Amino acid sequence: MIDDIKRRALHRSKILQGQLKGIEKMIENEDYCMDIITQSLAIQKSLSSLNKLILENHLKTHIKEDFSSGSDKRRQHATQELLDLYELTNIRANNK
């Protein structure tokens, strides 16, 4: 993993852990529902940021290597990975 991306991803992961503990405490304390939902949406945004970092790393390492390898099989595999991710993202976006 690229050092800078790894550092940022670990930082984002720690923030997510804190946010999840916070929402758990809010639920236990029976806080106002809208406050819990607001925190939940913030967690989703943080998770999206983490996913973006991991994708950035994958593109800059594995996908780059697969496309520059000269192997048709590796290029096809990388292309299929990206198409699968696109499809998964579209399915999730359309179900919202």
PDB file of N, CA and C in Angstrom:
ATOM      1  N   MET A   1       0.850  -1.176   0.000  1.00  0.00           N
ATOM      2  CA  MET A   1       0.000   0.000   0.000  1.00  0.00           C
ATOM      3  C   MET A   1       0.897   1.241   0.000  1.00  0.00           C
ATOM      4  N   ILE A   2       0.508   2.247  -0.708  1.00  0.00           N
ATOM      5  CA  ILE A   2       1.262   3.498  -0.766  1.00  0.00           C
ATOM      6  C   ILE A   2       1.231   4.137   0.623  1.00  0.00           C
ATOM      7  N   ASP A   3       2.406   4.518   1.129  1.00  0.00           N
ATOM      8  CA  ASP A   3       2.540   4.988   2.511  1.00  0.00           C
ATOM      9  C   ASP A   3       1.570   6.106   2.883  1.00  0.00           C
ATOM     10  N   ASP A   4       1.486   7.128   2.062  1.00  0.00           N
ATOM     11  CA  ASP A   4       0.612   8.264   2.369  1.00  0.00           C
ATOM     12  C   ASP A   4      -0.858   7.842   2.419  1.00  0.00           C
ATOM     13  N   ILE A   5      -1.255   7.023   1.480  1.00  0.00           N
ATOM     14  CA  ILE A   5      -2.645   6.547   1.450  1.00  0.00           C
ATOM     15  C   ILE A   5      -2.907   5.647   2.653  1.00  0.00           C
ATOM     16  N   LYS A   6      -1.963   4.799   2.986  1.00  0.00           N
ATOM     17  CA  LYS A   6      -2.110   3.929   4.157  1.00  0.00           C
ATOM     18  C   LYS A   6      -2.291   4.759   5.420  1.00  0.00           C
ATOM     19  N   ARG A   7      -1.473   5.780   5.583  1.00  0.00           N
ATOM     20  CA  ARG A   7      -1.560   6.653   6.757  1.00  0.00           C
ATOM     21  C   ARG A   7      -2.931   7.313   6.826  1.00  0.00           C
ATOM     22  N   ARG A   8      -3.394   7.846   5.702  1.00  0.00           N
ATOM     23  CA  ARG A   8      -4.696   8.517   5.666  1.00  0.00           C
ATOM     24  C   ARG A   8      -5.840   7.531   5.885  1.00  0.00           C
ATOM     25  N   ALA A   9      -5.731   6.330   5.334  1.00  0.00           N
ATOM     26  CA  ALA A   9      -6.780   5.319   5.507  1.00  0.00           C
ATOM     27  C   ALA A   9      -6.860   4.862   6.961  1.00  0.00           C
ATOM     28  N   LEU A  10      -5.724   4.667   7.595  1.00  0.00           N
ATOM     29  CA  LEU A  10      -5.733   4.290   9.011  1.00  0.00           C
ATOM     30  C   LEU A  10      -6.329   5.401   9.872  1.00  0.00           C
ATOM     31  N   HIS A  11      -6.000   6.640   9.553  1.00  0.00           N
ATOM     32  CA  HIS A  11      -6.570   7.782  10.273  1.00  0.00           C
ATOM     33  C   HIS A  11      -8.088   7.807  10.110  1.00  0.00           C
ATOM     34  N   ARG A  12      -8.557   7.622   8.892  1.00  0.00           N
ATOM     35  CA  ARG A  12      -9.998   7.604   8.615  1.00  0.00           C
ATOM     36  C   ARG A  12     -10.661   6.448   9.361  1.00  0.00           C
ATOM     37  N   SER A  13      -9.997   5.294   9.416  1.00  0.00           N
ATOM     38  CA  SER A  13     -10.525   4.129  10.124  1.00  0.00           C
ATOM     39  C   SER A  13     -10.688   4.420  11.619  1.00  0.00           C
ATOM     40  N   LYS A  14      -9.732   5.104  12.190  1.00  0.00           N
ATOM     41  CA  LYS A  14      -9.818   5.455  13.622  1.00  0.00           C
ATOM     42  C   LYS A  14     -10.957   6.445  13.873  1.00  0.00           C
ATOM     43  N   ILE A  15     -11.144   7.367  12.959  1.00  0.00           N
ATOM     44  CA  ILE A  15     -12.268   8.308  13.078  1.00  0.00           C
ATOM     45  C   ILE A  15     -13.585   7.529  13.032  1.00  0.00           C
ATOM     46  N   LEU A  16     -13.688   6.584  12.102  1.00  0.00           N
ATOM     47  CA  LEU A  16     -14.898   5.765  11.994  1.00  0.00           C
ATOM     48  C   LEU A  16     -15.166   4.988  13.277  1.00  0.00           C
ATOM     49  N   GLN A  17     -14.124   4.435  13.866  1.00  0.00           N
ATOM     50  CA  GLN A  17     -14.294   3.698  15.114  1.00  0.00           C
ATOM     51  C   GLN A  17     -14.881   4.604  16.197  1.00  0.00           C
ATOM     52  N   GLY A  18     -14.364   5.815  16.290  1.00  0.00           N
ATOM     53  CA  GLY A  18     -14.875   6.768  17.274  1.00  0.00           C
ATOM     54  C   GLY A  18     -16.321   7.148  16.990  1.00  0.00           C
ATOM     55  N   GLN A  19     -16.632   7.348  15.725  1.00  0.00           N
ATOM     56  CA  GLN A  19     -18.001   7.701  15.353  1.00  0.00           C
ATOM     57  C   GLN A  19     -18.965   6.565  15.681  1.00  0.00           C
ATOM     58  N   LEU A  20     -18.549   5.322  15.427  1.00  0.00           N
ATOM     59  CA  LEU A  20     -19.407   4.175  15.728  1.00  0.00           C
ATOM     60  C   LEU A  20     -19.633   4.031  17.232  1.00  0.00           C
ATOM     61  N   LYS A  21     -18.584   4.237  18.016  1.00  0.00           N
ATOM     62  CA  LYS A  21     -18.748   4.193  19.472  1.00  0.00           C
ATOM     63  C   LYS A  21     -19.682   5.298  19.932  1.00  0.00           C
ATOM     64  N   GLY A  22     -19.568   6.459  19.298  1.00  0.00           N
ATOM     65  CA  GLY A  22     -20.431   7.578  19.647  1.00  0.00           C
ATOM     66  C   GLY A  22     -21.895   7.287  19.347  1.00  0.00           C
ATOM     67  N   ILE A  23     -22.160   6.697  18.207  1.00  0.00           N
ATOM     68  CA  ILE A  23     -23.550   6.398  17.850  1.00  0.00           C
ATOM     69  C   ILE A  23     -24.114   5.302  18.767  1.00  0.00           C
ATOM     70  N   GLU A  24     -23.271   4.357  19.145  1.00  0.00           N
ATOM     71  CA  GLU A  24     -23.711   3.313  20.069  1.00  0.00           C
ATOM     72  C   GLU A  24     -24.135   3.929  21.407  1.00  0.00           C
ATOM     73  N   LYS A  25     -23.336   4.870  21.883  1.00  0.00           N
ATOM     74  CA  LYS A  25     -23.654   5.555  23.138  1.00  0.00           C
ATOM     75  C   LYS A  25     -24.947   6.370  23.001  1.00  0.00           C
ATOM     76  N   MET A  26     -25.115   7.013  21.845  1.00  0.00           N
ATOM     77  CA  MET A  26     -26.336   7.790  21.602  1.00  0.00           C
ATOM     78  C   MET A  26     -27.575   6.897  21.653  1.00  0.00           C
ATOM     79  N   ILE A  27     -27.462   5.706  21.072  1.00  0.00           N
ATOM     80  CA  ILE A  27     -28.589   4.770  21.073  1.00  0.00           C
ATOM     81  C   ILE A  27     -28.873   4.302  22.502  1.00  0.00           C
ATOM     82  N   GLU A  28     -27.811   3.945  23.221  1.00  0.00           N
ATOM     83  CA  GLU A  28     -27.981   3.518  24.616  1.00  0.00           C
ATOM     84  C   GLU A  28     -28.645   4.606  25.460  1.00  0.00           C
ATOM     85  N   ASN A  29     -28.269   5.852  25.215  1.00  0.00           N
ATOM     86  CA  ASN A  29     -28.817   6.980  25.977  1.00  0.00           C
ATOM     87  C   ASN A  29     -30.177   7.444  25.458  1.00  0.00           C
ATOM     88  N   GLU A  30     -30.640   6.794  24.399  1.00  0.00           N
ATOM     89  CA  GLU A  30     -31.900   7.155  23.761  1.00  0.00           C
ATOM     90  C   GLU A  30     -31.936   8.633  23.372  1.00  0.00           C
ATOM     91  N   ASP A  31     -30.842   9.061  22.732  1.00  0.00           N
ATOM     92  CA  ASP A  31     -30.763  10.439  22.248  1.00  0.00           C
ATOM     93  C   ASP A  31     -31.830  10.685  21.182  1.00  0.00           C
ATOM     94  N   TYR A  32     -32.002  11.929  20.863  1.00  0.00           N
ATOM     95  CA  TYR A  32     -32.985  12.366  19.861  1.00  0.00           C
ATOM     96  C   TYR A  32     -32.687  11.668  18.531  1.00  0.00           C
ATOM     97  N   CYS A  33     -33.717  11.071  17.937  1.00  0.00           N
ATOM     98  CA  CYS A  33     -33.561  10.257  16.716  1.00  0.00           C
ATOM     99  C   CYS A  33     -32.853  11.012  15.596  1.00  0.00           C
ATOM    100  N   MET A  34     -33.199  12.255  15.401  1.00  0.00           N
ATOM    101  CA  MET A  34     -32.585  13.023  14.304  1.00  0.00           C
ATOM    102  C   MET A  34     -31.087  13.214  14.542  1.00  0.00           C
ATOM    103  N   ASP A  35     -30.679  13.314  15.795  1.00  0.00           N
ATOM    104  CA  ASP A  35     -29.248  13.425  16.105  1.00  0.00           C
ATOM    105  C   ASP A  35     -28.528  12.109  15.777  1.00  0.00           C
ATOM    106  N   ILE A  36     -29.187  10.992  16.063  1.00  0.00           N
ATOM    107  CA  ILE A  36     -28.592   9.686  15.749  1.00  0.00           C
ATOM    108  C   ILE A  36     -28.476   9.508  14.233  1.00  0.00           C
ATOM    109  N   ILE A  37     -29.520   9.885  13.521  1.00  0.00           N
ATOM    110  CA  ILE A  37     -29.492   9.785  12.054  1.00  0.00           C
ATOM    111  C   ILE A  37     -28.393  10.681  11.471  1.00  0.00           C
ATOM    112  N   THR A  38     -28.260  11.878  12.004  1.00  0.00           N
ATOM    113  CA  THR A  38     -27.210  12.793  11.533  1.00  0.00           C
ATOM    114  C   THR A  38     -25.833  12.172  11.727  1.00  0.00           C
ATOM    115  N   GLN A  39     -25.632  11.547  12.881  1.00  0.00           N
ATOM    116  CA  GLN A  39     -24.352  10.884  13.142  1.00  0.00           C
ATOM    117  C   GLN A  39     -24.162   9.694  12.211  1.00  0.00           C
ATOM    118  N   SER A  40     -25.220   8.946  11.961  1.00  0.00           N
ATOM    119  CA  SER A  40     -25.155   7.803  11.057  1.00  0.00           C
ATOM    120  C   SER A  40     -24.774   8.249   9.645  1.00  0.00           C
ATOM    121  N   LEU A  41     -25.351   9.340   9.194  1.00  0.00           N
ATOM    122  CA  LEU A  41     -25.011   9.865   7.866  1.00  0.00           C
ATOM    123  C   LEU A  41     -23.562  10.331   7.803  1.00  0.00           C
ATOM    124  N   ALA A  42     -23.065  10.886   8.904  1.00  0.00           N
ATOM    125  CA  ALA A  42     -21.651  11.296   8.959  1.00  0.00           C
ATOM    126  C   ALA A  42     -20.742  10.071   8.857  1.00  0.00           C
ATOM    127  N   ILE A  43     -21.158   8.973   9.476  1.00  0.00           N
ATOM    128  CA  ILE A  43     -20.388   7.731   9.398  1.00  0.00           C
ATOM    129  C   ILE A  43     -20.367   7.226   7.952  1.00  0.00           C
ATOM    130  N   GLN A  44     -21.513   7.284   7.281  1.00  0.00           N
ATOM    131  CA  GLN A  44     -21.566   6.854   5.883  1.00  0.00           C
ATOM    132  C   GLN A  44     -20.628   7.687   5.016  1.00  0.00           C
ATOM    133  N   LYS A  45     -20.584   8.984   5.278  1.00  0.00           N
ATOM    134  CA  LYS A  45     -19.690   9.857   4.513  1.00  0.00           C
ATOM    135  C   LYS A  45     -18.226   9.507   4.794  1.00  0.00           C
ATOM    136  N   SER A  46     -17.910   9.236   6.057  1.00  0.00           N
ATOM    137  CA  SER A  46     -16.546   8.844   6.414  1.00  0.00           C
ATOM    138  C   SER A  46     -16.168   7.521   5.762  1.00  0.00           C
ATOM    139  N   LEU A  47     -17.099   6.583   5.732  1.00  0.00           N
ATOM    140  CA  LEU A  47     -16.841   5.298   5.094  1.00  0.00           C
ATOM    141  C   LEU A  47     -16.623   5.473   3.597  1.00  0.00           C
ATOM    142  N   SER A  48     -17.368   6.363   2.998  1.00  0.00           N
ATOM    143  CA  SER A  48     -17.187   6.666   1.585  1.00  0.00           C
ATOM    144  C   SER A  48     -15.791   7.244   1.334  1.00  0.00           C
ATOM    145  N   SER A  49     -15.328   8.099   2.229  1.00  0.00           N
ATOM    146  CA  SER A  49     -13.977   8.662   2.110  1.00  0.00           C
ATOM    147  C   SER A  49     -12.921   7.571   2.215  1.00  0.00           C
ATOM    148  N   LEU A  50     -13.141   6.614   3.117  1.00  0.00           N
ATOM    149  CA  LEU A  50     -12.208   5.497   3.254  1.00  0.00           C
ATOM    150  C   LEU A  50     -12.199   4.666   1.973  1.00  0.00           C
ATOM    151  N   ASN A  51     -13.373   4.376   1.436  1.00  0.00           N
ATOM    152  CA  ASN A  51     -13.454   3.607   0.189  1.00  0.00           C
ATOM    153  C   ASN A  51     -12.716   4.307  -0.944  1.00  0.00           C
ATOM    154  N   LYS A  52     -12.834   5.612  -1.001  1.00  0.00           N
ATOM    155  CA  LYS A  52     -12.158   6.384  -2.050  1.00  0.00           C
ATOM    156  C   LYS A  52     -10.638   6.254  -1.916  1.00  0.00           C
ATOM    157  N   LEU A  53     -10.143   6.291  -0.694  1.00  0.00           N
ATOM    158  CA  LEU A  53      -8.695   6.135  -0.479  1.00  0.00           C
ATOM    159  C   LEU A  53      -8.218   4.746  -0.909  1.00  0.00           C
ATOM    160  N   ILE A  54      -8.981   3.718  -0.539  1.00  0.00           N
ATOM    161  CA  ILE A  54      -8.595   2.356  -0.897  1.00  0.00           C
ATOM    162  C   ILE A  54      -8.643   2.175  -2.415  1.00  0.00           C
ATOM    163  N   LEU A  55      -9.649   2.744  -3.062  1.00  0.00           N
ATOM    164  CA  LEU A  55      -9.736   2.679  -4.516  1.00  0.00           C
ATOM    165  C   LEU A  55      -8.564   3.419  -5.161  1.00  0.00           C
ATOM    166  N   GLU A  56      -8.228   4.578  -4.632  1.00  0.00           N
ATOM    167  CA  GLU A  56      -7.079   5.329  -5.159  1.00  0.00           C
ATOM    168  C   GLU A  56      -5.817   4.474  -5.103  1.00  0.00           C
ATOM    169  N   ASN A  57      -5.598   3.811  -3.974  1.00  0.00           N
ATOM    170  CA  ASN A  57      -4.429   2.950  -3.842  1.00  0.00           C
ATOM    171  C   ASN A  57      -4.477   1.814  -4.864  1.00  0.00           C
ATOM    172  N   HIS A  58      -5.640   1.206  -5.015  1.00  0.00           N
ATOM    173  CA  HIS A  58      -5.776   0.081  -5.950  1.00  0.00           C
ATOM    174  C   HIS A  58      -5.481   0.519  -7.383  1.00  0.00           C
ATOM    175  N   LEU A  59      -5.988   1.688  -7.749  1.00  0.00           N
ATOM    176  CA  LEU A  59      -5.737   2.191  -9.105  1.00  0.00           C
ATOM    177  C   LEU A  59      -4.257   2.491  -9.332  1.00  0.00           C
ATOM    178  N   LYS A  60      -3.618   3.077  -8.331  1.00  0.00           N
ATOM    179  CA  LYS A  60      -2.217   3.481  -8.475  1.00  0.00           C
ATOM    180  C   LYS A  60      -1.249   2.316  -8.356  1.00  0.00           C
ATOM    181  N   THR A  61      -1.716   1.186  -7.854  1.00  0.00           N
ATOM    182  CA  THR A  61      -0.818   0.037  -7.692  1.00  0.00           C
ATOM    183  C   THR A  61      -1.273  -1.117  -8.587  1.00  0.00           C
ATOM    184  N   HIS A  62      -2.258  -1.856  -8.166  1.00  0.00           N
ATOM    185  CA  HIS A  62      -2.662  -3.082  -8.854  1.00  0.00           C
ATOM    186  C   HIS A  62      -3.152  -2.842 -10.284  1.00  0.00           C
ATOM    187  N   ILE A  63      -4.048  -1.889 -10.454  1.00  0.00           N
ATOM    188  CA  ILE A  63      -4.588  -1.636 -11.802  1.00  0.00           C
ATOM    189  C   ILE A  63      -3.476  -1.134 -12.723  1.00  0.00           C
ATOM    190  N   LYS A  64      -2.666  -0.222 -12.219  1.00  0.00           N
ATOM    191  CA  LYS A  64      -1.540   0.292 -13.014  1.00  0.00           C
ATOM    192  C   LYS A  64      -0.620  -0.857 -13.448  1.00  0.00           C
ATOM    193  N   GLU A  65      -0.298  -1.756 -12.516  1.00  0.00           N
ATOM    194  CA  GLU A  65       0.570  -2.896 -12.832  1.00  0.00           C
ATOM    195  C   GLU A  65      -0.086  -3.821 -13.851  1.00  0.00           C
ATOM    196  N   ASP A  66      -1.387  -4.077 -13.657  1.00  0.00           N
ATOM    197  CA  ASP A  66      -2.088  -4.978 -14.583  1.00  0.00           C
ATOM    198  C   ASP A  66      -2.120  -4.422 -15.999  1.00  0.00           C
ATOM    199  N   PHE A  67      -2.356  -3.128 -16.133  1.00  0.00           N
ATOM    200  CA  PHE A  67      -2.435  -2.540 -17.471  1.00  0.00           C
ATOM    201  C   PHE A  67      -1.072  -2.381 -18.130  1.00  0.00           C
ATOM    202  N   SER A  68      -0.026  -2.245 -17.336  1.00  0.00           N
ATOM    203  CA  SER A  68       1.301  -2.075 -17.925  1.00  0.00           C
ATOM    204  C   SER A  68       2.054  -3.396 -18.047  1.00  0.00           C
ATOM    205  N   SER A  69       1.431  -4.503 -17.648  1.00  0.00           N
ATOM    206  CA  SER A  69       2.116  -5.804 -17.628  1.00  0.00           C
ATOM    207  C   SER A  69       2.351  -6.392 -19.017  1.00  0.00           C
ATOM    208  N   GLY A  70       1.547  -5.984 -19.981  1.00  0.00           N
ATOM    209  CA  GLY A  70       1.647  -6.588 -21.308  1.00  0.00           C
ATOM    210  C   GLY A  70       0.822  -7.854 -21.433  1.00  0.00           C
ATOM    211  N   SER A  71       0.197  -8.266 -20.355  1.00  0.00           N
ATOM    212  CA  SER A  71      -0.611  -9.484 -20.365  1.00  0.00           C
ATOM    213  C   SER A  71      -2.078  -9.142 -20.607  1.00  0.00           C
ATOM    214  N   ASP A  72      -2.634  -9.710 -21.672  1.00  0.00           N
ATOM    215  CA  ASP A  72      -4.055  -9.492 -21.959  1.00  0.00           C
ATOM    216  C   ASP A  72      -4.926 -10.004 -20.821  1.00  0.00           C
ATOM    217  N   LYS A  73      -4.548 -11.132 -20.238  1.00  0.00           N
ATOM    218  CA  LYS A  73      -5.322 -11.717 -19.145  1.00  0.00           C
ATOM    219  C   LYS A  73      -5.372 -10.768 -17.946  1.00  0.00           C
ATOM    220  N   ARG A  74      -4.247 -10.172 -17.596  1.00  0.00           N
ATOM    221  CA  ARG A  74      -4.212  -9.246 -16.459  1.00  0.00           C
ATOM    222  C   ARG A  74      -4.997  -7.975 -16.762  1.00  0.00           C
ATOM    223  N   ARG A  75      -4.909  -7.484 -17.997  1.00  0.00           N
ATOM    224  CA  ARG A  75      -5.681  -6.292 -18.375  1.00  0.00           C
ATOM    225  C   ARG A  75      -7.178  -6.590 -18.320  1.00  0.00           C
ATOM    226  N   GLN A  76      -7.579  -7.751 -18.809  1.00  0.00           N
ATOM    227  CA  GLN A  76      -8.985  -8.139 -18.760  1.00  0.00           C
ATOM    228  C   GLN A  76      -9.471  -8.274 -17.316  1.00  0.00           C
ATOM    229  N   HIS A  77      -8.627  -8.840 -16.465  1.00  0.00           N
ATOM    230  CA  HIS A  77      -8.984  -8.988 -15.053  1.00  0.00           C
ATOM    231  C   HIS A  77      -9.177  -7.614 -14.413  1.00  0.00           C
ATOM    232  N   ALA A  78      -8.253  -6.698 -14.659  1.00  0.00           N
ATOM    233  CA  ALA A  78      -8.353  -5.353 -14.092  1.00  0.00           C
ATOM    234  C   ALA A  78      -9.597  -4.640 -14.600  1.00  0.00           C
ATOM    235  N   THR A  79      -9.862  -4.773 -15.877  1.00  0.00           N
ATOM    236  CA  THR A  79     -11.055  -4.158 -16.462  1.00  0.00           C
ATOM    237  C   THR A  79     -12.310  -4.723 -15.822  1.00  0.00           C
ATOM    238  N   GLN A  80     -12.362  -6.038 -15.638  1.00  0.00           N
ATOM    239  CA  GLN A  80     -13.535  -6.664 -15.032  1.00  0.00           C
ATOM    240  C   GLN A  80     -13.718  -6.211 -13.584  1.00  0.00           C
ATOM    241  N   GLU A  81     -12.624  -6.075 -12.855  1.00  0.00           N
ATOM    242  CA  GLU A  81     -12.707  -5.572 -11.473  1.00  0.00           C
ATOM    243  C   GLU A  81     -13.358  -4.198 -11.431  1.00  0.00           C
ATOM    244  N   LEU A  82     -12.920  -3.322 -12.317  1.00  0.00           N
ATOM    245  CA  LEU A  82     -13.473  -1.966 -12.347  1.00  0.00           C
ATOM    246  C   LEU A  82     -14.932  -1.967 -12.765  1.00  0.00           C
ATOM    247  N   LEU A  83     -15.283  -2.804 -13.727  1.00  0.00           N
ATOM    248  CA  LEU A  83     -16.684  -2.909 -14.145  1.00  0.00           C
ATOM    249  C   LEU A  83     -17.558  -3.472 -13.021  1.00  0.00           C
ATOM    250  N   ASP A  84     -17.047  -4.461 -12.301  1.00  0.00           N
ATOM    251  CA  ASP A  84     -17.794  -5.029 -11.168  1.00  0.00           C
ATOM    252  C   ASP A  84     -18.015  -3.975 -10.086  1.00  0.00           C
ATOM    253  N   LEU A  85     -16.989  -3.191  -9.821  1.00  0.00           N
ATOM    254  CA  LEU A  85     -17.115  -2.130  -8.820  1.00  0.00           C
ATOM    255  C   LEU A  85     -18.121  -1.081  -9.277  1.00  0.00           C
ATOM    256  N   TYR A  86     -18.064  -0.719 -10.537  1.00  0.00           N
ATOM    257  CA  TYR A  86     -19.022   0.235 -11.087  1.00  0.00           C
ATOM    258  C   TYR A  86     -20.445  -0.290 -10.934  1.00  0.00           C
ATOM    259  N   GLU A  87     -20.639  -1.557 -11.266  1.00  0.00           N
ATOM    260  CA  GLU A  87     -21.971  -2.155 -11.156  1.00  0.00           C
ATOM    261  C   GLU A  87     -22.436  -2.183  -9.703  1.00  0.00           C
ATOM    262  N   LEU A  88     -21.572  -2.569  -8.801  1.00  0.00           N
ATOM    263  CA  LEU A  88     -21.912  -2.606  -7.381  1.00  0.00           C
ATOM    264  C   LEU A  88     -22.274  -1.209  -6.878  1.00  0.00           C
ATOM    265  N   THR A  89     -21.533  -0.213  -7.301  1.00  0.00           N
ATOM    266  CA  THR A  89     -21.814   1.168  -6.893  1.00  0.00           C
ATOM    267  C   THR A  89     -23.144   1.628  -7.466  1.00  0.00           C
ATOM    268  N   ASN A  90     -23.432   1.291  -8.720  1.00  0.00           N
ATOM    269  CA  ASN A  90     -24.703   1.671  -9.332  1.00  0.00           C
ATOM    270  C   ASN A  90     -25.884   0.992  -8.671  1.00  0.00           C
ATOM    271  N   ILE A  91     -25.722  -0.267  -8.323  1.00  0.00           N
ATOM    272  CA  ILE A  91     -26.809  -0.995  -7.634  1.00  0.00           C
ATOM    273  C   ILE A  91     -27.121  -0.325  -6.315  1.00  0.00           C
ATOM    274  N   ARG A  92     -26.088   0.021  -5.554  1.00  0.00           N
ATOM    275  CA  ARG A  92     -26.286   0.672  -4.259  1.00  0.00           C
ATOM    276  C   ARG A  92     -26.896   2.048  -4.437  1.00  0.00           C
ATOM    277  N   ALA A  93     -26.462   2.790  -5.445  1.00  0.00           N
ATOM    278  CA  ALA A  93     -26.982   4.139  -5.668  1.00  0.00           C
ATOM    279  C   ALA A  93     -28.448   4.101  -6.084  1.00  0.00           C
ATOM    280  N   ASN A  94     -28.811   3.110  -6.882  1.00  0.00           N
ATOM    281  CA  ASN A  94     -30.191   3.005  -7.354  1.00  0.00           C
ATOM    282  C   ASN A  94     -31.149   2.487  -6.293  1.00  0.00           C
ATOM    283  N   ASN A  95     -30.628   1.853  -5.255  1.00  0.00           N
ATOM    284  CA  ASN A  95     -31.467   1.324  -4.182  1.00  0.00           C
ATOM    285  C   ASN A  95     -31.710   2.341  -3.077  1.00  0.00           C
ATOM    286  N   LYS A  96     -31.139   3.507  -3.200  1.00  0.00           N
ATOM    287  CA  LYS A  96     -31.313   4.527  -2.153  1.00  0.00           C
ATOM    288  C   LYS A  96     -32.596   5.275  -2.333  1.00  0.00           C
TER     289      LYS A  96
END
